[in-house]
Amino acid sequence: MTGTGDHEDAATYGATAQAAIRRPGRWWGRKGTAAKVESYTRISFHLFPVAQLVTALLSLTPVPARSALPVAGALLVHVVLGLRLTGQALDWVAGRRARPRRLLYAYMACGFAGAAIAALVLVKLPDDPPATYYTACVGTYVLFLAFSCGLGVLALRTHRQSLVAVAVATFGGWLLGSALLPAPAAAALALSTLLSAGGLTLASRFSIWLLQAVYELDEARHTRARLAVAEERLRFGRDLHDVLGRNLSVIALKSELAVQLARRERPEAVEQMAEVQRIAQESQREVREVVRGYREADLYTELLGARGVLSAAGITCTVTGTPTGLPRPVQAALAWVVREAVTNVLRHGNAAHCRIALTVVPAGPRAEGRPAVAELTVENDGVPSALAGSSGSSGGHGLAGLRERLAAEQGTLEAGPAGKSAFRLVARVPVPAHEVAESGVPGETAERARQELE
């Protein structure tokens, strides 16, 4: 965001947040929103094969070991392939690798092979076996087909392909039922296959759609930030062009005229070169003013930008108070504080709420001769309890630079933990009673920012 923001205060805010993030329990806290959604999706889908394994093994307990062993072997192979397919398919969805076609075909083939083995076990059962035998074999058969569809669709491109997979699984369930079971039982088997395979397929497709939507939103947010930087660069380039374009053209013309006059030994050549020197010095002064204005921070704009940036990052931001009437030097110093504070909120911890408050504390009747104080407070949550020695008095790059800027205006800066999981930064700058100069009146851009802020 700023040059100062590129150097975090490792001894204060950064040390507090990053030291806690390194703890094992803070693994989740250091992830962004998109990364959290992806991790949650990965964990959920990796639990699918585990659920299949546990459910199938429990259902096979009534079946004799000699008959259940081939089914259990096919089940273990199917589960291992499912775990591998889940990771690679989600990487493909995220655009990190090619589509795992071979693994998909192997997983689907293993699923149908396992279903066939379960069907053969059901065929070879002794005459009049217990009903639990039928339930175990039929349930395992349905699990093979349902999970082959539910996880296989992760690597399918279109919804039509997913529907075809569900239709094939349902047809397989009906085929087994019609060959081995009475008509009502066959219809029930086909219906259970349709519901289980369709339900898992629908859940998988919805999860993939949601994950892709989160990816797109995250990319849009980064694109928005890059466009804001590009727009600022274009504005700066336009300002430089407006300042230098005319003056450089005049310098070129007058230099050419001076050369022609000098060749004719005319005394006016000296006057033209003196004019060139004056215009060059004026251009240098104007460029400095442009750069100074580019670097100068406006408090109205910074408060509005802080709320927009934090809101775009999913952080609820409340801003109270307006800098109306504050002298420009005070506003510029506090604007740098807002920039650095917002940078810290975004880069450290895992904030959900941020409060920015600007108040002017009067000197009071007894404090004669003492100026009022403009106080800016930035407080956010999502920061673990501060470690011993991580106080705002420590030195550092970002906050040390702010202290130097504030010291130029006789101001102070305090930074440190504020409760169990909060961090507070307080900047105070004195406001002389006689300084209400027109320099404190906002310009056109700042005025628009003030109206939006209010």
Protein backbone atom coordinates (compact mmCIF):
# COMPACT_ATOMS: atom_id res chain seq x y z
CA MET A 1 0.00 0.00 0.00
CA THR A 2 2.82 2.39 0.86
CA GLY A 3 6.55 2.36 1.06
CA THR A 4 6.32 2.40 4.83
CA GLY A 5 3.87 -0.47 4.78
CA ASP A 6 6.42 -2.68 3.04
CA HIS A 7 8.49 -2.79 6.24
CA GLU A 8 6.46 -4.46 8.99
CA ASP A 9 7.11 -3.66 12.60
CA ALA A 10 8.45 -7.11 13.56
CA ALA A 11 9.04 -6.11 17.17
CA THR A 12 5.44 -5.08 17.81
CA TYR A 13 2.48 -6.04 15.70
CA GLY A 14 4.31 -8.49 13.47
CA ALA A 15 6.04 -10.27 16.35
CA THR A 16 2.78 -10.63 18.24
CA ALA A 17 0.76 -12.00 15.34
CA GLN A 18 3.37 -14.10 13.56
CA ALA A 19 4.71 -15.73 16.71
CA ALA A 20 1.22 -16.91 17.58
CA ILE A 21 0.49 -18.01 14.03
CA ARG A 22 3.48 -20.34 14.13
CA ARG A 23 1.80 -22.35 16.87
CA PRO A 24 0.19 -25.58 15.64
CA GLY A 25 -3.25 -24.41 16.72
CA ARG A 26 -2.97 -21.32 14.50
CA TRP A 27 -2.60 -23.22 11.20
CA TRP A 28 -6.15 -22.32 10.22
CA GLY A 29 -5.81 -18.69 11.26
CA ARG A 30 -3.11 -17.80 8.76
CA LYS A 31 -5.18 -18.88 5.75
CA GLY A 32 -7.16 -16.49 3.61
CA THR A 33 -10.84 -16.93 2.82
CA ALA A 34 -10.25 -18.78 -0.46
CA ALA A 35 -7.64 -21.04 1.13
CA LYS A 36 -10.00 -21.84 4.00
CA VAL A 37 -12.81 -22.81 1.63
CA GLU A 38 -10.41 -24.97 -0.38
CA SER A 39 -9.06 -26.69 2.75
CA TYR A 40 -12.57 -27.35 4.03
CA THR A 41 -13.57 -28.80 0.64
CA ARG A 42 -10.49 -31.02 0.49
CA ILE A 43 -11.02 -32.35 3.98
CA SER A 44 -14.69 -33.06 3.27
CA PHE A 45 -14.01 -34.94 0.05
CA HIS A 46 -11.16 -36.95 1.59
CA LEU A 47 -13.62 -38.12 4.23
CA PHE A 48 -15.86 -39.61 1.52
CA PRO A 49 -13.63 -42.66 0.85
CA VAL A 50 -13.11 -43.09 4.58
CA ALA A 51 -16.87 -43.12 5.12
CA GLN A 52 -17.22 -45.67 2.30
CA LEU A 53 -14.60 -47.93 3.89
CA VAL A 54 -16.11 -47.82 7.37
CA THR A 55 -19.68 -48.31 6.15
CA ALA A 56 -18.82 -51.21 3.84
CA LEU A 57 -16.68 -53.04 6.41
CA LEU A 58 -19.41 -52.75 9.02
CA SER A 59 -22.00 -54.05 6.58
CA LEU A 60 -19.80 -57.05 5.65
CA THR A 61 -19.43 -58.30 9.21
CA PRO A 62 -22.28 -60.85 8.90
CA VAL A 63 -20.82 -62.34 5.69
CA PRO A 64 -18.44 -65.30 6.04
CA ALA A 65 -14.79 -64.29 5.90
CA ARG A 66 -14.07 -66.39 2.80
CA SER A 67 -16.80 -64.55 0.88
CA ALA A 68 -16.13 -61.09 2.34
CA LEU A 69 -12.36 -61.09 1.76
CA PRO A 70 -12.44 -60.44 -2.04
CA VAL A 71 -14.96 -57.65 -1.53
CA ALA A 72 -12.83 -56.10 1.21
CA GLY A 73 -9.73 -56.25 -1.02
CA ALA A 74 -11.50 -54.49 -3.87
CA LEU A 75 -12.87 -52.00 -1.37
CA LEU A 76 -9.40 -51.08 -0.07
CA VAL A 77 -8.07 -50.55 -3.60
CA HIS A 78 -11.10 -48.41 -4.45
CA VAL A 79 -10.65 -46.27 -1.33
CA VAL A 80 -6.93 -45.67 -2.00
CA LEU A 81 -7.66 -44.68 -5.60
CA GLY A 82 -10.46 -42.42 -4.34
CA LEU A 83 -8.13 -40.58 -1.99
CA ARG A 84 -5.59 -40.00 -4.76
CA LEU A 85 -8.27 -38.97 -7.25
CA THR A 86 -9.74 -36.47 -4.79
CA GLY A 87 -6.45 -34.61 -4.32
CA GLN A 88 -5.53 -34.55 -8.00
CA ALA A 89 -9.05 -33.63 -9.16
CA LEU A 90 -9.21 -30.67 -6.77
CA ASP A 91 -5.79 -29.55 -8.00
CA TRP A 92 -7.20 -29.71 -11.52
CA VAL A 93 -10.21 -27.63 -10.47
CA ALA A 94 -7.81 -25.05 -9.01
CA GLY A 95 -5.84 -24.97 -12.28
CA ARG A 96 -2.65 -26.41 -10.78
CA ARG A 97 -2.38 -29.57 -12.89
CA ALA A 98 -3.83 -31.42 -15.86
CA ARG A 99 -7.02 -33.43 -15.59
CA PRO A 100 -6.27 -36.88 -14.06
CA ARG A 101 -7.92 -38.92 -16.83
CA ARG A 102 -6.07 -42.19 -16.22
CA LEU A 103 -6.68 -42.10 -12.51
CA LEU A 104 -10.35 -41.31 -13.13
CA TYR A 105 -10.74 -44.28 -15.49
CA ALA A 106 -8.92 -46.57 -13.04
CA TYR A 107 -11.15 -45.43 -10.17
CA MET A 108 -14.36 -45.91 -12.13
CA ALA A 109 -13.21 -49.33 -13.41
CA CYS A 110 -12.28 -50.39 -9.88
CA GLY A 111 -15.69 -49.29 -8.65
CA PHE A 112 -17.55 -51.37 -11.22
CA ALA A 113 -15.18 -54.30 -10.63
CA GLY A 114 -15.87 -54.13 -6.90
CA ALA A 115 -19.59 -54.01 -7.57
CA ALA A 116 -19.24 -57.09 -9.79
CA ILE A 117 -17.34 -58.94 -7.05
CA ALA A 118 -20.07 -58.07 -4.55
CA ALA A 119 -22.65 -59.38 -7.04
CA LEU A 120 -20.74 -62.65 -7.49
CA VAL A 121 -20.56 -63.12 -3.73
CA LEU A 122 -24.30 -62.61 -3.58
CA VAL A 123 -24.81 -65.23 -6.33
CA LYS A 124 -22.60 -67.82 -4.61
CA LEU A 125 -24.24 -67.50 -1.22
CA PRO A 126 -25.75 -70.76 0.09
CA ASP A 127 -29.44 -71.50 -0.33
CA ASP A 128 -31.73 -69.52 1.94
CA PRO A 129 -28.97 -67.35 3.50
CA PRO A 130 -29.84 -64.94 6.32
CA ALA A 131 -31.34 -61.65 5.22
CA THR A 132 -28.30 -59.84 6.58
CA TYR A 133 -26.18 -61.51 3.87
CA TYR A 134 -28.32 -60.00 1.17
CA THR A 135 -28.31 -56.63 2.89
CA ALA A 136 -24.52 -56.65 3.27
CA CYS A 137 -23.73 -57.61 -0.32
CA VAL A 138 -26.37 -55.36 -1.86
CA GLY A 139 -25.32 -52.42 0.34
CA THR A 140 -21.66 -52.88 -0.62
CA TYR A 141 -22.67 -53.06 -4.28
CA VAL A 142 -24.54 -49.76 -3.99
CA LEU A 143 -21.61 -48.14 -2.15
CA PHE A 144 -19.19 -49.03 -4.95
CA LEU A 145 -21.44 -47.49 -7.60
CA ALA A 146 -22.49 -44.44 -5.56
CA PHE A 147 -18.99 -43.38 -4.52
CA SER A 148 -17.63 -44.04 -8.01
CA CYS A 149 -20.08 -41.40 -9.22
CA GLY A 150 -19.77 -39.06 -6.24
CA LEU A 151 -15.98 -38.74 -6.43
CA GLY A 152 -15.59 -39.44 -10.13
CA VAL A 153 -17.55 -36.31 -11.09
CA LEU A 154 -14.78 -34.20 -9.52
CA ALA A 155 -12.74 -34.87 -12.64
CA LEU A 156 -15.61 -34.52 -15.13
CA ARG A 157 -15.97 -31.31 -17.12
CA THR A 158 -19.72 -30.97 -17.69
CA HIS A 159 -22.99 -31.64 -15.89
CA ARG A 160 -24.06 -33.88 -18.77
CA GLN A 161 -21.14 -36.22 -18.09
CA SER A 162 -22.18 -36.34 -14.43
CA LEU A 163 -25.75 -37.25 -15.39
CA VAL A 164 -24.46 -40.01 -17.65
CA ALA A 165 -22.39 -41.43 -14.78
CA VAL A 166 -25.45 -41.48 -12.50
CA ALA A 167 -27.53 -43.14 -15.23
CA VAL A 168 -24.91 -45.86 -15.76
CA ALA A 169 -24.73 -46.54 -12.01
CA THR A 170 -28.52 -46.73 -11.76
CA PHE A 171 -28.69 -49.08 -14.73
CA GLY A 172 -26.08 -51.30 -13.07
CA GLY A 173 -28.18 -51.43 -9.91
CA TRP A 174 -31.27 -52.40 -11.88
CA LEU A 175 -29.32 -55.00 -13.87
CA LEU A 176 -28.14 -56.76 -10.73
CA GLY A 177 -31.57 -56.60 -9.14
CA SER A 178 -33.41 -57.96 -12.15
CA ALA A 179 -30.98 -60.89 -12.42
CA LEU A 180 -30.87 -61.95 -8.76
CA LEU A 181 -33.85 -60.48 -6.96
CA PRO A 182 -37.62 -60.31 -7.32
CA ALA A 183 -39.06 -57.36 -9.22
CA PRO A 184 -39.93 -55.24 -6.14
CA ALA A 185 -36.48 -55.82 -4.67
CA ALA A 186 -34.84 -55.00 -8.01
CA ALA A 187 -36.79 -51.74 -8.23
CA ALA A 188 -35.76 -50.87 -4.66
CA LEU A 189 -32.11 -51.58 -5.48
CA ALA A 190 -32.23 -49.37 -8.57
CA LEU A 191 -33.95 -46.61 -6.62
CA SER A 192 -31.40 -46.76 -3.78
CA THR A 193 -28.55 -46.63 -6.30
CA LEU A 194 -30.15 -43.63 -8.02
CA LEU A 195 -30.68 -41.74 -4.76
CA SER A 196 -27.25 -42.45 -3.30
CA ALA A 197 -25.29 -41.85 -6.53
CA GLY A 198 -27.41 -38.82 -7.43
CA GLY A 199 -27.12 -37.32 -3.97
CA LEU A 200 -23.33 -37.67 -3.83
CA THR A 201 -23.00 -36.37 -7.39
CA LEU A 202 -25.15 -33.34 -6.63
CA ALA A 203 -23.17 -32.57 -3.47
CA SER A 204 -19.87 -32.89 -5.35
CA ARG A 205 -20.93 -30.68 -8.25
CA PHE A 206 -22.28 -28.02 -5.90
CA SER A 207 -19.08 -28.04 -3.84
CA ILE A 208 -16.97 -27.65 -6.99
CA TRP A 209 -19.16 -24.81 -8.20
CA LEU A 210 -18.85 -23.08 -4.83
CA LEU A 211 -15.07 -23.54 -4.79
CA GLN A 212 -14.74 -22.10 -8.30
CA ALA A 213 -16.92 -19.13 -7.31
CA VAL A 214 -14.64 -18.43 -4.35
CA TYR A 215 -11.59 -18.63 -6.62
CA GLU A 216 -13.16 -16.13 -9.01
CA LEU A 217 -14.09 -13.73 -6.21
CA ASP A 218 -10.59 -13.91 -4.77
CA GLU A 219 -9.07 -13.26 -8.20
CA ALA A 220 -11.48 -10.36 -8.74
CA ARG A 221 -10.38 -8.82 -5.46
CA HIS A 222 -6.71 -9.07 -6.44
CA THR A 223 -7.52 -7.67 -9.87
CA ARG A 224 -9.31 -4.77 -8.26
CA ALA A 225 -6.24 -3.97 -6.18
CA ARG A 226 -3.96 -4.18 -9.23
CA LEU A 227 -6.27 -1.90 -11.20
CA ALA A 228 -6.26 0.62 -8.37
CA VAL A 229 -2.46 0.69 -8.44
CA ALA A 230 -2.43 0.99 -12.24
CA GLU A 231 -4.96 3.82 -12.11
CA GLU A 232 -2.83 5.69 -9.59
CA ARG A 233 0.22 5.24 -11.81
CA LEU A 234 -1.70 6.59 -14.79
CA ARG A 235 -2.82 9.59 -12.77
CA PHE A 236 0.75 10.28 -11.73
CA GLY A 237 1.89 9.91 -15.35
CA ARG A 238 -0.79 12.35 -16.54
CA ASP A 239 0.27 14.88 -13.92
CA LEU A 240 3.90 14.64 -15.00
CA HIS A 241 2.90 14.95 -18.64
CA ASP A 242 0.82 18.04 -17.95
CA VAL A 243 3.68 19.63 -16.04
CA LEU A 244 6.58 18.72 -18.30
CA GLY A 245 4.96 18.53 -21.74
CA ARG A 246 4.51 22.24 -22.36
CA ASN A 247 7.72 23.30 -20.63
CA LEU A 248 9.87 20.81 -22.53
CA SER A 249 8.37 21.96 -25.82
CA VAL A 250 9.18 25.57 -24.95
CA ILE A 251 12.71 24.61 -23.91
CA ALA A 252 13.27 22.80 -27.21
CA LEU A 253 12.04 25.77 -29.25
CA LYS A 254 14.02 28.36 -27.32
CA SER A 255 17.16 26.22 -27.41
CA GLU A 256 16.86 25.91 -31.19
CA LEU A 257 16.32 29.67 -31.45
CA ALA A 258 19.34 30.31 -29.22
CA VAL A 259 21.49 28.09 -31.45
CA GLN A 260 20.43 30.01 -34.56
CA LEU A 261 21.08 33.36 -32.88
CA ALA A 262 24.47 32.21 -31.58
CA ARG A 263 25.52 31.18 -35.10
CA ARG A 264 24.71 34.69 -36.25
CA GLU A 265 26.54 36.12 -33.25
CA ARG A 266 23.41 37.87 -32.07
CA PRO A 267 23.37 38.99 -28.40
CA GLU A 268 19.76 37.79 -28.03
CA ALA A 269 21.10 34.21 -27.81
CA VAL A 270 22.14 34.86 -24.22
CA GLU A 271 18.64 36.07 -23.35
CA GLN A 272 17.08 32.96 -24.89
CA MET A 273 19.39 30.64 -22.94
CA ALA A 274 18.62 32.53 -19.75
CA GLU A 275 14.93 31.97 -20.51
CA VAL A 276 15.65 28.26 -21.06
CA GLN A 277 17.39 28.13 -17.68
CA ARG A 278 14.43 29.81 -15.99
CA ILE A 279 11.91 27.43 -17.55
CA ALA A 280 14.06 24.42 -16.60
CA GLN A 281 14.21 25.58 -12.98
CA GLU A 282 10.47 26.19 -12.99
CA SER A 283 9.87 22.70 -14.38
CA GLN A 284 12.06 21.23 -11.68
CA ARG A 285 10.05 23.05 -9.02
CA GLU A 286 6.74 21.91 -10.53
CA VAL A 287 7.90 18.29 -10.69
CA ARG A 288 8.85 18.45 -7.04
CA GLU A 289 5.42 19.80 -6.21
CA VAL A 290 3.78 16.98 -8.14
CA VAL A 291 5.88 14.36 -6.37
CA ARG A 292 5.27 16.01 -3.02
CA GLY A 293 1.55 16.04 -3.66
CA TYR A 294 1.71 12.40 -4.79
CA ARG A 295 3.46 11.38 -1.62
CA GLU A 296 1.38 13.55 0.65
CA ALA A 297 -1.37 11.55 2.31
CA ASP A 298 -4.87 12.95 2.69
CA LEU A 299 -6.73 11.85 5.80
CA TYR A 300 -10.19 11.97 4.23
CA THR A 301 -9.10 9.78 1.34
CA GLU A 302 -7.16 7.39 3.57
CA LEU A 303 -10.11 6.83 5.92
CA LEU A 304 -12.43 6.13 3.01
CA GLY A 305 -9.86 3.89 1.33
CA ALA A 306 -9.22 1.99 4.57
CA ARG A 307 -12.89 1.17 4.92
CA GLY A 308 -13.12 0.04 1.30
CA VAL A 309 -9.97 -2.11 1.39
CA LEU A 310 -10.87 -3.79 4.69
CA SER A 311 -14.44 -4.43 3.52
CA ALA A 312 -13.11 -5.99 0.31
CA ALA A 313 -10.94 -8.27 2.46
CA GLY A 314 -14.00 -9.44 4.42
CA ILE A 315 -13.23 -7.34 7.51
CA THR A 316 -16.01 -5.28 9.06
CA CYS A 317 -14.70 -1.74 9.41
CA THR A 318 -16.32 1.13 11.31
CA VAL A 319 -15.01 4.68 10.98
CA THR A 320 -16.06 7.42 13.40
CA GLY A 321 -15.06 11.06 13.33
CA THR A 322 -13.99 13.36 10.49
CA PRO A 323 -10.84 15.47 10.17
CA THR A 324 -12.74 18.66 9.40
CA GLY A 325 -10.83 21.69 10.66
CA LEU A 326 -7.55 19.89 11.33
CA PRO A 327 -4.43 21.56 9.86
CA ARG A 328 -2.94 19.88 6.81
CA PRO A 329 0.30 18.79 8.55
CA VAL A 330 -1.75 17.04 11.25
CA GLN A 331 -3.97 15.38 8.66
CA ALA A 332 -0.97 14.19 6.64
CA ALA A 333 0.72 12.70 9.72
CA LEU A 334 -2.44 10.86 10.81
CA ALA A 335 -3.09 9.68 7.24
CA TRP A 336 0.23 7.86 7.27
CA VAL A 337 -0.84 6.20 10.51
CA VAL A 338 -4.04 4.97 8.85
CA ARG A 339 -2.06 3.55 5.93
CA GLU A 340 0.38 1.65 8.12
CA ALA A 341 -2.33 0.42 10.49
CA VAL A 342 -4.49 -0.94 7.65
CA THR A 343 -1.43 -2.65 6.15
CA ASN A 344 -0.78 -4.35 9.50
CA VAL A 345 -4.41 -5.43 9.82
CA LEU A 346 -4.30 -7.06 6.39
CA ARG A 347 -0.89 -8.69 6.74
CA HIS A 348 -0.96 -9.92 10.31
CA GLY A 349 -3.43 -12.03 12.26
CA ASN A 350 -6.90 -12.90 11.01
CA ALA A 351 -9.06 -9.89 11.77
CA ALA A 352 -12.85 -9.92 11.46
CA HIS A 353 -13.56 -6.44 12.87
CA CYS A 354 -11.62 -3.18 12.78
CA ARG A 355 -12.52 0.12 14.43
CA ILE A 356 -11.03 3.47 13.38
CA ALA A 357 -11.89 6.46 15.55
CA LEU A 358 -10.72 10.06 15.15
CA THR A 359 -11.37 12.51 17.98
CA VAL A 360 -10.07 15.91 19.02
CA VAL A 361 -9.49 16.14 22.74
CA PRO A 362 -9.74 19.78 23.93
CA ALA A 363 -7.06 21.18 26.18
CA GLY A 364 -9.49 21.99 28.99
CA PRO A 365 -9.97 25.16 31.04
CA ARG A 366 -7.05 24.49 33.37
CA ALA A 367 -4.54 23.71 30.62
CA GLU A 368 -3.87 27.26 29.55
CA GLY A 369 -1.45 27.52 26.67
CA ARG A 370 -1.61 23.81 25.97
CA PRO A 371 -3.02 22.81 22.54
CA ALA A 372 -5.83 20.40 21.83
CA VAL A 373 -4.86 16.89 20.76
CA ALA A 374 -6.06 15.00 17.67
CA GLU A 375 -6.25 11.32 18.62
CA LEU A 376 -6.52 8.51 16.07
CA THR A 377 -7.28 4.99 17.33
CA VAL A 378 -7.14 1.86 15.18
CA GLU A 379 -8.18 -1.36 16.91
CA ASN A 380 -8.74 -4.81 15.42
CA ASP A 381 -9.37 -8.33 16.63
CA GLY A 382 -7.98 -11.62 15.34
CA VAL A 383 -4.60 -11.21 17.07
CA PRO A 384 -3.64 -13.79 19.73
CA SER A 385 -2.58 -12.69 23.20
CA ALA A 386 0.61 -10.71 23.08
CA LEU A 387 3.81 -12.42 24.06
CA ALA A 388 5.89 -11.03 26.87
CA GLY A 389 8.03 -8.16 25.67
CA SER A 390 5.99 -7.46 22.52
CA SER A 391 4.98 -3.96 23.47
CA GLY A 392 4.54 -0.91 21.36
CA SER A 393 7.68 0.67 22.79
CA SER A 394 9.95 -1.63 20.80
CA GLY A 395 11.66 -0.38 17.71
CA GLY A 396 10.87 -1.46 14.19
CA HIS A 397 10.59 -0.31 10.62
CA GLY A 398 6.94 0.54 9.95
CA LEU A 399 5.97 1.94 13.35
CA ALA A 400 9.38 3.51 13.82
CA GLY A 401 8.83 5.46 10.61
CA LEU A 402 5.43 6.58 11.90
CA ARG A 403 6.98 7.76 15.16
CA GLU A 404 9.44 9.86 13.19
CA ARG A 405 6.65 11.43 11.14
CA LEU A 406 4.59 12.13 14.25
CA ALA A 407 7.60 13.49 16.11
CA ALA A 408 7.95 16.15 13.42
CA GLU A 409 4.51 17.39 14.53
CA GLN A 410 5.25 16.87 18.26
CA GLY A 411 3.05 13.78 18.20
CA THR A 412 3.30 10.36 19.88
CA LEU A 413 2.44 6.79 18.94
CA GLU A 414 1.37 3.89 21.15
CA ALA A 415 0.93 0.34 19.86
CA GLY A 416 0.28 -2.90 21.69
CA PRO A 417 -2.23 -5.58 22.69
CA ALA A 418 -5.68 -4.52 23.82
CA GLY A 419 -7.20 -7.51 25.55
CA LYS A 420 -7.07 -11.19 24.78
CA SER A 421 -7.10 -11.10 20.99
CA ALA A 422 -7.06 -7.44 19.99
CA PHE A 423 -4.39 -4.97 18.92
CA ARG A 424 -4.65 -1.21 19.35
CA LEU A 425 -2.66 1.59 17.77
CA VAL A 426 -3.13 5.16 19.11
CA ALA A 427 -1.57 8.25 17.53
CA ARG A 428 -1.80 11.68 19.18
CA VAL A 429 -0.84 14.96 17.52
CA PRO A 430 -1.23 18.38 19.17
CA VAL A 431 -3.39 20.93 17.34
CA PRO A 432 -2.38 24.52 18.12
CA ALA A 433 -5.39 26.65 18.92
CA HIS A 434 -4.33 29.42 16.51
CA GLU A 435 -3.84 26.97 13.59
CA VAL A 436 -7.06 26.74 11.68
CA ALA A 437 -5.45 27.95 8.48
CA GLU A 438 -7.08 27.39 5.19
CA SER A 439 -4.59 24.60 4.62
CA GLY A 440 -6.98 22.43 6.56
CA VAL A 441 -9.80 22.90 4.07
CA PRO A 442 -10.08 19.78 1.88
CA GLY A 443 -9.68 19.90 -1.88
CA GLU A 444 -12.05 18.52 -4.49
CA THR A 445 -10.93 14.88 -4.15
CA ALA A 446 -10.83 15.03 -0.38
CA GLU A 447 -14.23 16.70 -0.29
CA ARG A 448 -15.77 13.85 -2.26
CA ALA A 449 -14.10 11.41 0.13
CA ARG A 450 -15.48 13.32 3.12
CA GLN A 451 -19.02 13.19 1.73
CA GLU A 452 -18.75 9.44 1.13
CA LEU A 453 -17.21 8.94 4.56
CA GLU A 454 -20.06 10.76 6.25
